[in-house]
Amino acid sequence: MKTEEKIKETYNLLAQEYSDLRKNKEKGGWFYNEYLEMPTTLKMLGNVKKKKILDMGCGPGFYAKILSERGAIVKGIDFSSSLIEIARKEVPEAEFTLGNAEKLPYKSEEFEIVLSALMMDHLKSWDKALKEVKRVLKKRGLFVFSIKNPVTICLQKKKWFFKTFREIDRYFDEDWRIAKWKGKRVSGEGAHHHKTYGTIIKYLVKYGFEIIDCEDTKPLSSAKNIFPREYQKTVNSPHFCTWKTVKK
């Protein structure tokens, strides 16, 4: 089974558990979304009122709900049938489609903004996806996306005598980084395809996107008391990064 298919299988398996975790606010992985990735990405999106937005890799619809509440006209797409089913129930005001980023079922120049939160690094190549994003965006439309930080994803635990530390390992090896995703009820295999900062920039330039902002994510200060361990882990080591680009 190809890595991309394994990722889809895992998302289908963990869809309901992931959605429940985020909604119930139990201590766990939602720190990395609500307190770390989402604040930076929402800031990059800015005022979305009356904007037509494509949520590419929409998951169970968390961004779609927020953007709809802020007055945007939202369409979402995801390759997981389980996540799409949840999104349709949770955000009935938005339109959701089962599909993938490499062949978007939308008209050319349909959207003013394309958002892709923590999805692009599930793709080995960005060629088809960026070509499609450019096609469906209006001229001077925004493409805002977040990914695993290219440096932090390469940090590996090392031991030296009685000390444990992390160091950057295989930064220039652009390949799949496999990880086990564990839930309380089910588990699966996840993966992110690592690319260097240089490769990401070359992709964006190749497909006619102008970079207007890029920010490494930093946790909200309010997380310090709620998630002290996660806060300390990410306050000095960027876990994600968000890019804001415009179609030339």
Foldseek 3Di string as FASTA:
>chain_A
DDQLVQQLVQCQVCQVVVVCCCVVVDPDDCLCPPFWQPVVLVVLVPQQAAFEEEAAQCFLPPVVVVSVVSHHAYEYEHQHPNRQVNNCVVCVSHHYDHDHLLDDPDAFQQGLEYEYEAPPQSDLDCQSNLLSVLRNHHAFGKYKYKHFPLFVLQWDWDDDVPDIDTDGDPSVPFAKDKDKADDPVDIGIHIGGHDHPVVVVVSCVVSAKAWDDKAQIAGDPVCCVVPVVVNVVPRPPGGMMMTMITHD
